[in-house]
PDB file of N, CA and C in Angstrom:
ATOM      1  N   MET A   1     -11.641  32.111 -11.419  1.00  0.00           N
ATOM      2  CA  MET A   1     -13.029  31.654 -11.238  1.00  0.00           C
ATOM      3  C   MET A   1     -13.418  31.737 -10.147  1.00  0.00           C
ATOM      4  N   GLN A   2     -14.489  33.046  -9.231  1.00  0.00           N
ATOM      5  CA  GLN A   2     -14.886  32.493  -7.778  1.00  0.00           C
ATOM      6  C   GLN A   2     -15.538  31.670  -7.714  1.00  0.00           C
ATOM      7  N   PRO A   3     -15.265  30.538  -6.077  1.00  0.00           N
ATOM      8  CA  PRO A   3     -16.123  29.444  -6.188  1.00  0.00           C
ATOM      9  C   PRO A   3     -17.242  30.141  -5.628  1.00  0.00           C
ATOM     10  N   GLN A   4     -18.818  29.693  -6.161  1.00  0.00           N
ATOM     11  CA  GLN A   4     -19.742  30.100  -5.531  1.00  0.00           C
ATOM     12  C   GLN A   4     -20.589  28.596  -4.378  1.00  0.00           C
ATOM     13  N   ILE A   5     -21.725  28.931  -4.119  1.00  0.00           N
ATOM     14  CA  ILE A   5     -22.477  28.348  -3.335  1.00  0.00           C
ATOM     15  C   ILE A   5     -23.018  27.388  -4.082  1.00  0.00           C
ATOM     16  N   VAL A   6     -22.548  25.902  -3.774  1.00  0.00           N
ATOM     17  CA  VAL A   6     -23.091  24.723  -4.483  1.00  0.00           C
ATOM     18  C   VAL A   6     -24.276  24.412  -4.369  1.00  0.00           C
ATOM     19  N   SER A   7     -25.248  24.717  -5.339  1.00  0.00           N
ATOM     20  CA  SER A   7     -26.533  24.496  -5.376  1.00  0.00           C
ATOM     21  C   SER A   7     -27.323  23.859  -6.542  1.00  0.00           C
ATOM     22  N   ASP A   8     -26.435  22.979  -7.237  1.00  0.00           N
ATOM     23  CA  ASP A   8     -26.755  21.788  -8.277  1.00  0.00           C
ATOM     24  C   ASP A   8     -26.854  21.019  -7.183  1.00  0.00           C
ATOM     25  N   GLU A   9     -27.641  19.732  -7.155  1.00  0.00           N
ATOM     26  CA  GLU A   9     -27.895  18.610  -6.202  1.00  0.00           C
ATOM     27  C   GLU A   9     -27.022  17.431  -6.691  1.00  0.00           C
ATOM     28  N   ARG A  10     -26.625  17.766  -8.083  1.00  0.00           N
ATOM     29  CA  ARG A  10     -26.007  17.033  -8.606  1.00  0.00           C
ATOM     30  C   ARG A  10     -24.383  16.714  -7.929  1.00  0.00           C
ATOM     31  N   VAL A  11     -24.083  18.069  -7.997  1.00  0.00           N
ATOM     32  CA  VAL A  11     -23.044  17.952  -7.093  1.00  0.00           C
ATOM     33  C   VAL A  11     -22.643  18.163  -6.056  1.00  0.00           C
ATOM     34  N   VAL A  12     -24.154  18.225  -5.354  1.00  0.00           N
ATOM     35  CA  VAL A  12     -24.348  18.167  -3.630  1.00  0.00           C
ATOM     36  C   VAL A  12     -24.084  16.755  -3.151  1.00  0.00           C
ATOM     37  N   LYS A  13     -24.939  15.934  -4.214  1.00  0.00           N
ATOM     38  CA  LYS A  13     -24.810  14.553  -3.963  1.00  0.00           C
ATOM     39  C   LYS A  13     -23.588  14.093  -3.895  1.00  0.00           C
ATOM     40  N   ALA A  14     -22.613  14.302  -5.074  1.00  0.00           N
ATOM     41  CA  ALA A  14     -21.143  14.121  -5.810  1.00  0.00           C
ATOM     42  C   ALA A  14     -20.407  14.037  -4.614  1.00  0.00           C
ATOM     43  N   ILE A  15     -20.225  15.636  -3.974  1.00  0.00           N
ATOM     44  CA  ILE A  15     -19.535  15.898  -3.046  1.00  0.00           C
ATOM     45  C   ILE A  15     -19.677  14.873  -1.715  1.00  0.00           C
ATOM     46  N   ALA A  16     -20.992  14.742  -1.690  1.00  0.00           N
ATOM     47  CA  ALA A  16     -21.406  14.083  -0.289  1.00  0.00           C
ATOM     48  C   ALA A  16     -21.264  12.347  -0.485  1.00  0.00           C
ATOM     49  N   SER A  17     -21.064  11.965  -1.594  1.00  0.00           N
ATOM     50  CA  SER A  17     -20.216  10.860  -1.876  1.00  0.00           C
ATOM     51  C   SER A  17     -18.936  10.663  -1.884  1.00  0.00           C
ATOM     52  N   ILE A  18     -18.250  11.837  -2.604  1.00  0.00           N
ATOM     53  CA  ILE A  18     -16.777  11.828  -2.409  1.00  0.00           C
ATOM     54  C   ILE A  18     -15.673  11.840  -0.387  1.00  0.00           C
ATOM     55  N   ASN A  19     -16.943  12.620   0.117  1.00  0.00           N
ATOM     56  CA  ASN A  19     -16.585  13.026   1.588  1.00  0.00           C
ATOM     57  C   ASN A  19     -16.569  11.325   2.732  1.00  0.00           C
ATOM     58  N   ALA A  20     -17.747  10.635   1.729  1.00  0.00           N
ATOM     59  CA  ALA A  20     -18.237   9.737   2.516  1.00  0.00           C
ATOM     60  C   ALA A  20     -17.265   8.365   2.392  1.00  0.00           C
ATOM     61  N   ASN A  21     -16.453   8.591   0.853  1.00  0.00           N
ATOM     62  CA  ASN A  21     -15.883   7.784   0.242  1.00  0.00           C
ATOM     63  C   ASN A  21     -14.196   7.984   0.183  1.00  0.00           C
ATOM     64  N   LEU A  22     -13.957   8.979   1.219  1.00  0.00           N
ATOM     65  CA  LEU A  22     -12.143   9.292   0.643  1.00  0.00           C
ATOM     66  C   LEU A  22     -11.558   8.363   1.192  1.00  0.00           C
ATOM     67  N   GLY A  23     -11.452   7.102   1.669  1.00  0.00           N
ATOM     68  CA  GLY A  23     -10.667   6.231   1.822  1.00  0.00           C
ATOM     69  C   GLY A  23     -10.535   5.504   0.707  1.00  0.00           C
ATOM     70  N   SER A  24     -11.454   4.899  -0.307  1.00  0.00           N
ATOM     71  CA  SER A  24     -11.969   4.192  -1.331  1.00  0.00           C
ATOM     72  C   SER A  24     -11.125   4.900  -2.380  1.00  0.00           C
ATOM     73  N   PRO A  25     -11.227   4.101  -3.610  1.00  0.00           N
ATOM     74  CA  PRO A  25     -10.974   4.998  -4.820  1.00  0.00           C
ATOM     75  C   PRO A  25     -11.415   5.473  -5.287  1.00  0.00           C
ATOM     76  N   LEU A  26     -11.596   6.836  -5.995  1.00  0.00           N
ATOM     77  CA  LEU A  26     -12.579   7.660  -6.259  1.00  0.00           C
ATOM     78  C   LEU A  26     -11.994   8.192  -7.936  1.00  0.00           C
ATOM     79  N   SER A  27     -13.478   7.570  -8.650  1.00  0.00           N
ATOM     80  CA  SER A  27     -12.920   7.744 -10.283  1.00  0.00           C
ATOM     81  C   SER A  27     -13.839   8.911 -10.539  1.00  0.00           C
ATOM     82  N   PRO A  28     -13.396   9.627 -11.445  1.00  0.00           N
ATOM     83  CA  PRO A  28     -14.143  10.433 -12.177  1.00  0.00           C
ATOM     84  C   PRO A  28     -15.410  10.092 -13.090  1.00  0.00           C
ATOM     85  N   ARG A  29     -15.317   8.872 -13.398  1.00  0.00           N
ATOM     86  CA  ARG A  29     -16.454   8.294 -14.147  1.00  0.00           C
ATOM     87  C   ARG A  29     -17.756   7.666 -13.033  1.00  0.00           C
ATOM     88  N   ASP A  30     -17.290   6.746 -12.020  1.00  0.00           N
ATOM     89  CA  ASP A  30     -17.702   6.887 -10.767  1.00  0.00           C
ATOM     90  C   ASP A  30     -18.581   7.787 -10.530  1.00  0.00           C
ATOM     91  N   ILE A  31     -18.092   9.005 -10.138  1.00  0.00           N
ATOM     92  CA  ILE A  31     -18.947  10.149  -9.254  1.00  0.00           C
ATOM     93  C   ILE A  31     -19.507  10.879 -10.098  1.00  0.00           C
ATOM     94  N   SER A  32     -19.259  11.125 -11.758  1.00  0.00           N
ATOM     95  CA  SER A  32     -19.939  11.768 -12.633  1.00  0.00           C
ATOM     96  C   SER A  32     -21.497  10.757 -12.820  1.00  0.00           C
ATOM     97  N   GLY A  33     -21.046   9.500 -12.904  1.00  0.00           N
ATOM     98  CA  GLY A  33     -22.258   8.402 -12.957  1.00  0.00           C
ATOM     99  C   GLY A  33     -23.405   8.625 -11.704  1.00  0.00           C
ATOM    100  N   GLN A  34     -22.789   8.888 -10.625  1.00  0.00           N
ATOM    101  CA  GLN A  34     -23.440   8.948  -9.371  1.00  0.00           C
ATOM    102  C   GLN A  34     -24.740  10.403  -9.661  1.00  0.00           C
ATOM    103  N   ALA A  35     -23.990  11.519 -10.019  1.00  0.00           N
ATOM    104  CA  ALA A  35     -24.456  12.870 -10.499  1.00  0.00           C
ATOM    105  C   ALA A  35     -25.287  13.135 -11.801  1.00  0.00           C
ATOM    106  N   CYS A  36     -25.306  11.564 -12.395  1.00  0.00           N
ATOM    107  CA  CYS A  36     -26.371  11.163 -13.432  1.00  0.00           C
ATOM    108  C   CYS A  36     -26.125  11.922 -15.055  1.00  0.00           C
ATOM    109  N   LEU A  37     -24.509  12.325 -14.849  1.00  0.00           N
ATOM    110  CA  LEU A  37     -24.073  13.023 -15.708  1.00  0.00           C
ATOM    111  C   LEU A  37     -23.017  12.580 -16.935  1.00  0.00           C
ATOM    112  N   SER A  38     -22.755  12.749 -17.519  1.00  0.00           N
ATOM    113  CA  SER A  38     -21.553  12.149 -18.708  1.00  0.00           C
ATOM    114  C   SER A  38     -20.135  12.523 -17.833  1.00  0.00           C
ATOM    115  N   PRO A  39     -19.344  12.145 -17.880  1.00  0.00           N
ATOM    116  CA  PRO A  39     -17.664  12.741 -17.123  1.00  0.00           C
ATOM    117  C   PRO A  39     -17.224  14.116 -17.631  1.00  0.00           C
ATOM    118  N   THR A  40     -17.844  14.455 -18.723  1.00  0.00           N
ATOM    119  CA  THR A  40     -17.049  15.652 -19.634  1.00  0.00           C
ATOM    120  C   THR A  40     -18.349  16.599 -19.317  1.00  0.00           C
ATOM    121  N   ARG A  41     -19.728  16.065 -18.873  1.00  0.00           N
ATOM    122  CA  ARG A  41     -20.415  17.310 -18.427  1.00  0.00           C
ATOM    123  C   ARG A  41     -20.618  17.461 -17.156  1.00  0.00           C
ATOM    124  N   PHE A  42     -20.389  16.366 -16.177  1.00  0.00           N
ATOM    125  CA  PHE A  42     -19.911  16.716 -15.097  1.00  0.00           C
ATOM    126  C   PHE A  42     -18.875  17.475 -14.476  1.00  0.00           C
ATOM    127  N   ARG A  43     -17.810  17.381 -15.436  1.00  0.00           N
ATOM    128  CA  ARG A  43     -16.313  18.138 -14.859  1.00  0.00           C
ATOM    129  C   ARG A  43     -16.644  19.695 -15.445  1.00  0.00           C
ATOM    130  N   HIS A  44     -17.422  19.604 -15.928  1.00  0.00           N
ATOM    131  CA  HIS A  44     -17.773  21.128 -16.393  1.00  0.00           C
ATOM    132  C   HIS A  44     -18.824  21.447 -15.160  1.00  0.00           C
ATOM    133  N   VAL A  45     -19.760  21.325 -14.840  1.00  0.00           N
ATOM    134  CA  VAL A  45     -21.083  21.576 -13.639  1.00  0.00           C
ATOM    135  C   VAL A  45     -20.177  21.750 -12.466  1.00  0.00           C
ATOM    136  N   PHE A  46     -19.220  20.504 -12.011  1.00  0.00           N
ATOM    137  CA  PHE A  46     -18.472  20.703 -10.845  1.00  0.00           C
ATOM    138  C   PHE A  46     -17.731  21.802 -11.067  1.00  0.00           C
ATOM    139  N   VAL A  47     -16.971  22.027 -11.825  1.00  0.00           N
ATOM    140  CA  VAL A  47     -16.092  23.366 -11.667  1.00  0.00           C
ATOM    141  C   VAL A  47     -17.160  24.701 -11.515  1.00  0.00           C
ATOM    142  N   GLU A  48     -18.163  24.833 -12.490  1.00  0.00           N
ATOM    143  CA  GLU A  48     -19.074  25.984 -12.115  1.00  0.00           C
ATOM    144  C   GLU A  48     -19.222  25.978 -10.961  1.00  0.00           C
ATOM    145  N   GLN A  49     -19.744  24.964 -10.319  1.00  0.00           N
ATOM    146  CA  GLN A  49     -20.323  25.073  -8.764  1.00  0.00           C
ATOM    147  C   GLN A  49     -19.326  25.318  -7.713  1.00  0.00           C
ATOM    148  N   THR A  50     -18.318  24.711  -8.136  1.00  0.00           N
ATOM    149  CA  THR A  50     -17.261  24.854  -6.978  1.00  0.00           C
ATOM    150  C   THR A  50     -16.156  25.494  -7.218  1.00  0.00           C
ATOM    151  N   GLY A  51     -15.816  25.699  -8.420  1.00  0.00           N
ATOM    152  CA  GLY A  51     -14.767  26.541  -8.609  1.00  0.00           C
ATOM    153  C   GLY A  51     -13.506  26.115  -8.348  1.00  0.00           C
ATOM    154  N   SER A  52     -13.466  24.638  -8.780  1.00  0.00           N
ATOM    155  CA  SER A  52     -12.327  23.873  -8.538  1.00  0.00           C
ATOM    156  C   SER A  52     -12.430  22.530  -9.515  1.00  0.00           C
ATOM    157  N   ALA A  53     -11.413  21.996 -10.082  1.00  0.00           N
ATOM    158  CA  ALA A  53     -11.591  20.852 -10.783  1.00  0.00           C
ATOM    159  C   ALA A  53     -11.702  20.029  -9.965  1.00  0.00           C
ATOM    160  N   LEU A  54     -12.178  18.494 -10.090  1.00  0.00           N
ATOM    161  CA  LEU A  54     -12.293  17.340  -9.356  1.00  0.00           C
ATOM    162  C   LEU A  54     -11.400  16.836  -8.635  1.00  0.00           C
ATOM    163  N   ARG A  55     -10.571  16.220  -9.761  1.00  0.00           N
ATOM    164  CA  ARG A  55      -9.174  15.720  -8.850  1.00  0.00           C
ATOM    165  C   ARG A  55      -8.531  16.676  -8.105  1.00  0.00           C
ATOM    166  N   PRO A  56      -8.262  18.038  -8.118  1.00  0.00           N
ATOM    167  CA  PRO A  56      -7.851  19.092  -7.159  1.00  0.00           C
ATOM    168  C   PRO A  56      -8.591  18.809  -5.750  1.00  0.00           C
ATOM    169  N   TYR A  57      -9.803  18.912  -6.164  1.00  0.00           N
ATOM    170  CA  TYR A  57     -10.672  18.822  -4.663  1.00  0.00           C
ATOM    171  C   TYR A  57     -10.642  17.592  -4.016  1.00  0.00           C
ATOM    172  N   ILE A  58     -10.492  16.471  -4.701  1.00  0.00           N
ATOM    173  CA  ILE A  58     -10.688  15.075  -3.895  1.00  0.00           C
ATOM    174  C   ILE A  58      -8.990  14.883  -3.396  1.00  0.00           C
ATOM    175  N   LEU A  59      -7.880  15.810  -3.882  1.00  0.00           N
ATOM    176  CA  LEU A  59      -6.850  15.589  -3.124  1.00  0.00           C
ATOM    177  C   LEU A  59      -7.018  16.586  -1.756  1.00  0.00           C
ATOM    178  N   TRP A  60      -7.502  17.778  -1.997  1.00  0.00           N
ATOM    179  CA  TRP A  60      -7.554  18.515  -1.065  1.00  0.00           C
ATOM    180  C   TRP A  60      -8.525  17.899  -0.092  1.00  0.00           C
ATOM    181  N   ARG A  61      -9.716  17.325   0.101  1.00  0.00           N
ATOM    182  CA  ARG A  61     -10.390  16.603   0.822  1.00  0.00           C
ATOM    183  C   ARG A  61      -9.479  15.267   1.915  1.00  0.00           C
ATOM    184  N   ARG A  62      -8.644  14.698   0.576  1.00  0.00           N
ATOM    185  CA  ARG A  62      -7.967  13.671   1.535  1.00  0.00           C
ATOM    186  C   ARG A  62      -7.385  14.556   2.345  1.00  0.00           C
ATOM    187  N   CYS A  63      -6.710  15.351   1.991  1.00  0.00           N
ATOM    188  CA  CYS A  63      -5.474  15.863   3.044  1.00  0.00           C
ATOM    189  C   CYS A  63      -6.208  16.551   4.375  1.00  0.00           C
ATOM    190  N   VAL A  64      -7.387  17.132   4.115  1.00  0.00           N
ATOM    191  CA  VAL A  64      -8.300  17.705   5.164  1.00  0.00           C
ATOM    192  C   VAL A  64      -8.489  16.682   6.006  1.00  0.00           C
ATOM    193  N   ARG A  65      -9.118  15.315   5.453  1.00  0.00           N
ATOM    194  CA  ARG A  65      -9.580  14.436   6.187  1.00  0.00           C
ATOM    195  C   ARG A  65      -7.800  13.645   7.226  1.00  0.00           C
ATOM    196  N   ALA A  66      -6.933  13.877   6.703  1.00  0.00           N
ATOM    197  CA  ALA A  66      -5.845  12.925   6.770  1.00  0.00           C
ATOM    198  C   ALA A  66      -5.282  13.959   8.241  1.00  0.00           C
ATOM    199  N   TRP A  67      -5.828  15.583   8.157  1.00  0.00           N
ATOM    200  CA  TRP A  67      -5.304  16.145   9.171  1.00  0.00           C
ATOM    201  C   TRP A  67      -6.013  16.017  10.262  1.00  0.00           C
ATOM    202  N   GLU A  68      -7.416  16.081  10.151  1.00  0.00           N
ATOM    203  CA  GLU A  68      -8.328  15.614  10.845  1.00  0.00           C
ATOM    204  C   GLU A  68      -8.093  14.428  11.738  1.00  0.00           C
ATOM    205  N   ILE A  69      -7.533  13.487  11.442  1.00  0.00           N
ATOM    206  CA  ILE A  69      -7.363  12.155  11.881  1.00  0.00           C
ATOM    207  C   ILE A  69      -6.244  12.732  12.617  1.00  0.00           C
ATOM    208  N   ILE A  70      -4.943  13.141  11.895  1.00  0.00           N
ATOM    209  CA  ILE A  70      -3.712  13.191  13.003  1.00  0.00           C
ATOM    210  C   ILE A  70      -4.216  14.181  14.277  1.00  0.00           C
ATOM    211  N   ARG A  71      -4.989  15.187  13.813  1.00  0.00           N
ATOM    212  CA  ARG A  71      -4.932  16.282  15.127  1.00  0.00           C
ATOM    213  C   ARG A  71      -6.145  15.541  15.994  1.00  0.00           C
ATOM    214  N   GLN A  72      -6.846  14.306  15.772  1.00  0.00           N
ATOM    215  CA  GLN A  72      -7.727  13.651  16.646  1.00  0.00           C
ATOM    216  C   GLN A  72      -6.941  12.614  17.638  1.00  0.00           C
ATOM    217  N   GLY A  73      -5.621  12.449  17.495  1.00  0.00           N
ATOM    218  CA  GLY A  73      -4.444  11.319  17.925  1.00  0.00           C
ATOM    219  C   GLY A  73      -4.236  10.385  17.106  1.00  0.00           C
ATOM    220  N   GLY A  74      -4.684   9.928  15.684  1.00  0.00           N
ATOM    221  CA  GLY A  74      -4.459   9.064  14.971  1.00  0.00           C
ATOM    222  C   GLY A  74      -3.102   9.062  14.900  1.00  0.00           C
ATOM    223  N   ALA A  75      -2.613   8.087  14.416  1.00  0.00           N
ATOM    224  CA  ALA A  75      -1.277   7.910  13.712  1.00  0.00           C
ATOM    225  C   ALA A  75      -1.227   8.496  12.520  1.00  0.00           C
ATOM    226  N   ILE A  76       0.078   8.840  12.049  1.00  0.00           N
ATOM    227  CA  ILE A  76       0.301   9.311  10.314  1.00  0.00           C
ATOM    228  C   ILE A  76       0.112   8.367   9.139  1.00  0.00           C
ATOM    229  N   SER A  77       0.331   7.004   9.880  1.00  0.00           N
ATOM    230  CA  SER A  77       0.088   6.131   8.882  1.00  0.00           C
ATOM    231  C   SER A  77      -1.562   5.750   8.833  1.00  0.00           C
ATOM    232  N   THR A  78      -2.052   5.700   9.668  1.00  0.00           N
ATOM    233  CA  THR A  78      -3.792   5.417   9.805  1.00  0.00           C
ATOM    234  C   THR A  78      -4.520   6.474   9.427  1.00  0.00           C
ATOM    235  N   ALA A  79      -4.043   7.908   9.289  1.00  0.00           N
ATOM    236  CA  ALA A  79      -4.554   8.903   8.446  1.00  0.00           C
ATOM    237  C   ALA A  79      -4.162   8.701   6.866  1.00  0.00           C
ATOM    238  N   ALA A  80      -3.228   8.215   6.866  1.00  0.00           N
ATOM    239  CA  ALA A  80      -2.967   8.297   5.574  1.00  0.00           C
ATOM    240  C   ALA A  80      -3.753   7.475   4.992  1.00  0.00           C
ATOM    241  N   TYR A  81      -4.011   6.248   5.348  1.00  0.00           N
ATOM    242  CA  TYR A  81      -5.114   4.653   4.607  1.00  0.00           C
ATOM    243  C   TYR A  81      -6.086   4.867   4.878  1.00  0.00           C
ATOM    244  N   GLU A  82      -6.872   5.935   5.801  1.00  0.00           N
ATOM    245  CA  GLU A  82      -8.365   6.275   6.077  1.00  0.00           C
ATOM    246  C   GLU A  82      -8.915   7.704   4.990  1.00  0.00           C
ATOM    247  N   ALA A  83      -7.916   8.409   4.729  1.00  0.00           N
ATOM    248  CA  ALA A  83      -8.135   9.353   3.838  1.00  0.00           C
ATOM    249  C   ALA A  83      -7.554   8.891   2.558  1.00  0.00           C
ATOM    250  N   GLY A  84      -6.977   8.025   2.074  1.00  0.00           N
ATOM    251  CA  GLY A  84      -7.281   7.181   0.905  1.00  0.00           C
ATOM    252  C   GLY A  84      -5.567   7.455   0.072  1.00  0.00           C
ATOM    253  N   PHE A  85      -4.798   7.913   0.820  1.00  0.00           N
ATOM    254  CA  PHE A  85      -3.169   7.559   0.874  1.00  0.00           C
ATOM    255  C   PHE A  85      -2.827   6.404   0.616  1.00  0.00           C
ATOM    256  N   ALA A  86      -1.487   5.824  -0.489  1.00  0.00           N
ATOM    257  CA  ALA A  86      -0.928   4.848  -0.278  1.00  0.00           C
ATOM    258  C   ALA A  86      -0.345   4.196   0.910  1.00  0.00           C
ATOM    259  N   GLY A  87       0.345   5.545   1.613  1.00  0.00           N
ATOM    260  CA  GLY A  87       0.505   5.314   2.918  1.00  0.00           C
ATOM    261  C   GLY A  87       1.313   6.316   3.486  1.00  0.00           C
ATOM    262  N   ALA A  88       2.125   6.428   4.881  1.00  0.00           N
ATOM    263  CA  ALA A  88       2.421   7.647   5.513  1.00  0.00           C
ATOM    264  C   ALA A  88       3.352   8.516   4.203  1.00  0.00           C
ATOM    265  N   ALA A  89       4.244   7.669   3.592  1.00  0.00           N
ATOM    266  CA  ALA A  89       5.362   8.237   2.474  1.00  0.00           C
ATOM    267  C   ALA A  89       4.481   8.760   1.778  1.00  0.00           C
ATOM    268  N   HIS A  90       3.613   8.662   0.764  1.00  0.00           N
ATOM    269  CA  HIS A  90       2.551   8.974  -0.082  1.00  0.00           C
ATOM    270  C   HIS A  90       1.730  10.683   0.295  1.00  0.00           C
ATOM    271  N   LEU A  91       1.548  10.551   1.512  1.00  0.00           N
ATOM    272  CA  LEU A  91       0.814  11.495   2.493  1.00  0.00           C
ATOM    273  C   LEU A  91       1.843  12.756   2.697  1.00  0.00           C
ATOM    274  N   THR A  92       2.923  12.215   3.579  1.00  0.00           N
ATOM    275  CA  THR A  92       4.296  13.105   3.506  1.00  0.00           C
ATOM    276  C   THR A  92       4.586  13.874   2.277  1.00  0.00           C
ATOM    277  N   ARG A  93       4.941  13.454   0.834  1.00  0.00           N
ATOM    278  CA  ARG A  93       5.056  13.524  -0.166  1.00  0.00           C
ATOM    279  C   ARG A  93       3.839  14.743  -0.581  1.00  0.00           C
ATOM    280  N   THR A  94       2.896  14.239  -0.559  1.00  0.00           N
ATOM    281  CA  THR A  94       2.060  15.359  -1.099  1.00  0.00           C
ATOM    282  C   THR A  94       1.531  16.337  -0.726  1.00  0.00           C
ATOM    283  N   LEU A  95       1.964  16.618   1.240  1.00  0.00           N
ATOM    284  CA  LEU A  95       1.300  17.417   1.576  1.00  0.00           C
ATOM    285  C   LEU A  95       2.782  18.310   1.958  1.00  0.00           C
ATOM    286  N   GLN A  96       3.769  17.739   1.740  1.00  0.00           N
ATOM    287  CA  GLN A  96       5.275  18.525   1.162  1.00  0.00           C
ATOM    288  C   GLN A  96       4.845  19.198   0.055  1.00  0.00           C
ATOM    289  N   ARG A  97       4.500  18.925  -1.113  1.00  0.00           N
ATOM    290  CA  ARG A  97       4.606  19.256  -2.337  1.00  0.00           C
ATOM    291  C   ARG A  97       3.039  20.175  -2.713  1.00  0.00           C
ATOM    292  N   MET A  98       2.458  19.908  -1.598  1.00  0.00           N
ATOM    293  CA  MET A  98       0.945  20.437  -2.070  1.00  0.00           C
ATOM    294  C   MET A  98       1.461  22.262  -1.002  1.00  0.00           C
ATOM    295  N   PHE A  99       1.666  21.847   0.386  1.00  0.00           N
ATOM    296  CA  PHE A  99       1.699  22.973   1.366  1.00  0.00           C
ATOM    297  C   PHE A  99       2.648  23.085   2.047  1.00  0.00           C
ATOM    298  N   GLY A 100       3.910  22.521   1.570  1.00  0.00           N
ATOM    299  CA  GLY A 100       5.244  22.785   2.341  1.00  0.00           C
ATOM    300  C   GLY A 100       5.694  22.312   3.706  1.00  0.00           C
ATOM    301  N   PHE A 101       5.036  21.174   3.916  1.00  0.00           N
ATOM    302  CA  PHE A 101       5.155  20.618   5.384  1.00  0.00           C
ATOM    303  C   PHE A 101       4.773  19.393   5.709  1.00  0.00           C
ATOM    304  N   ALA A 102       5.077  18.387   6.739  1.00  0.00           N
ATOM    305  CA  ALA A 102       4.987  17.575   6.336  1.00  0.00           C
ATOM    306  C   ALA A 102       3.650  17.286   7.381  1.00  0.00           C
ATOM    307  N   PRO A 103       3.175  15.971   7.754  1.00  0.00           N
ATOM    308  CA  PRO A 103       2.398  15.717   8.740  1.00  0.00           C
ATOM    309  C   PRO A 103       2.813  15.630  10.041  1.00  0.00           C
ATOM    310  N   SER A 104       3.928  15.538  10.074  1.00  0.00           N
ATOM    311  CA  SER A 104       4.593  15.727  11.560  1.00  0.00           C
ATOM    312  C   SER A 104       4.543  16.705  12.399  1.00  0.00           C
ATOM    313  N   VAL A 105       4.129  18.320  11.318  1.00  0.00           N
ATOM    314  CA  VAL A 105       3.787  19.357  11.814  1.00  0.00           C
ATOM    315  C   VAL A 105       2.675  19.394  12.624  1.00  0.00           C
ATOM    316  N   LEU A 106       1.833  18.665  12.373  1.00  0.00           N
ATOM    317  CA  LEU A 106       0.618  18.515  12.874  1.00  0.00           C
ATOM    318  C   LEU A 106       0.622  17.942  14.653  1.00  0.00           C
ATOM    319  N   LEU A 107       1.846  17.306  14.590  1.00  0.00           N
ATOM    320  CA  LEU A 107       2.076  16.106  15.901  1.00  0.00           C
ATOM    321  C   LEU A 107       2.405  17.698  17.066  1.00  0.00           C
ATOM    322  N   VAL A 108       2.641  18.729  16.556  1.00  0.00           N
ATOM    323  CA  VAL A 108       3.684  19.230  17.606  1.00  0.00           C
ATOM    324  C   VAL A 108       2.360  20.368  18.997  1.00  0.00           C
ATOM    325  N   GLY A 109       3.003  19.512  19.862  1.00  0.00           N
ATOM    326  CA  GLY A 109       2.109  20.100  20.789  1.00  0.00           C
ATOM    327  C   GLY A 109       0.883  19.291  21.593  1.00  0.00           C
ATOM    328  N   ARG A 110       1.245  18.317  20.945  1.00  0.00           N
ATOM    329  CA  ARG A 110       0.228  16.929  21.485  1.00  0.00           C
ATOM    330  C   ARG A 110       1.330  16.280  22.259  1.00  0.00           C
ATOM    331  N   GLN A 111       0.858  16.058  23.188  1.00  0.00           N
ATOM    332  CA  GLN A 111       1.161  15.314  24.378  1.00  0.00           C
ATOM    333  C   GLN A 111       1.576  14.002  23.985  1.00  0.00           C
ATOM    334  N   GLY A 112       3.184  13.412  24.154  1.00  0.00           N
ATOM    335  CA  GLY A 112       3.414  12.221  23.758  1.00  0.00           C
ATOM    336  C   GLY A 112       3.797  12.512  22.187  1.00  0.00           C
ATOM    337  N   SER A 113       4.043  13.350  21.323  1.00  0.00           N
ATOM    338  CA  SER A 113       3.885  13.813  20.117  1.00  0.00           C
ATOM    339  C   SER A 113       4.902  13.061  19.244  1.00  0.00           C
ATOM    340  N   GLY A 114       5.434  11.845  19.991  1.00  0.00           N
ATOM    341  CA  GLY A 114       6.264  10.841  18.962  1.00  0.00           C
ATOM    342  C   GLY A 114       5.520   9.537  18.787  1.00  0.00           C
ATOM    343  N   ALA A 115       4.455   9.946  19.588  1.00  0.00           N
ATOM    344  CA  ALA A 115       3.717   8.600  19.594  1.00  0.00           C
ATOM    345  C   ALA A 115       2.786   8.501  18.312  1.00  0.00           C
ATOM    346  N   GLY A 116       2.685   8.036  17.619  1.00  0.00           N
ATOM    347  CA  GLY A 116       1.668   7.653  16.857  1.00  0.00           C
ATOM    348  C   GLY A 116       2.148   8.247  15.227  1.00  0.00           C
ATOM    349  N   SER A 117       3.376   8.508  15.588  1.00  0.00           N
ATOM    350  CA  SER A 117       4.001   9.109  13.897  1.00  0.00           C
ATOM    351  C   SER A 117       4.763   7.656  13.335  1.00  0.00           C
ATOM    352  N   THR A 118       5.035   8.148  12.266  1.00  0.00           N
ATOM    353  CA  THR A 118       5.705   7.283  11.473  1.00  0.00           C
ATOM    354  C   THR A 118       7.346   7.399  10.832  1.00  0.00           C
TER     355      THR A 118
END
């Protein structure tokens, strides 16, 4: 299924909530409630609108957020916590599993690249 432009306001609202709360626990039940849909119906509408299931989408957004923080000079551990991971080790394992590289790769070329890493 090809992703489409998200046009359903309920999904747009849910995505905004996800992005605003990446550092907090995000349950499918809470997110679907914000969209005023049952969890089952929300899952269907979310996939239809985004081309992605909810949990992988949240994980992807957390990875992107962690990358942004690291590239802006933040420590890997700070990036991990602010993006909703349990810690730097959890972020590292997740990036290794999903993308085949550790977050320290993002430090390459950064002045004082050893600083800020864990």
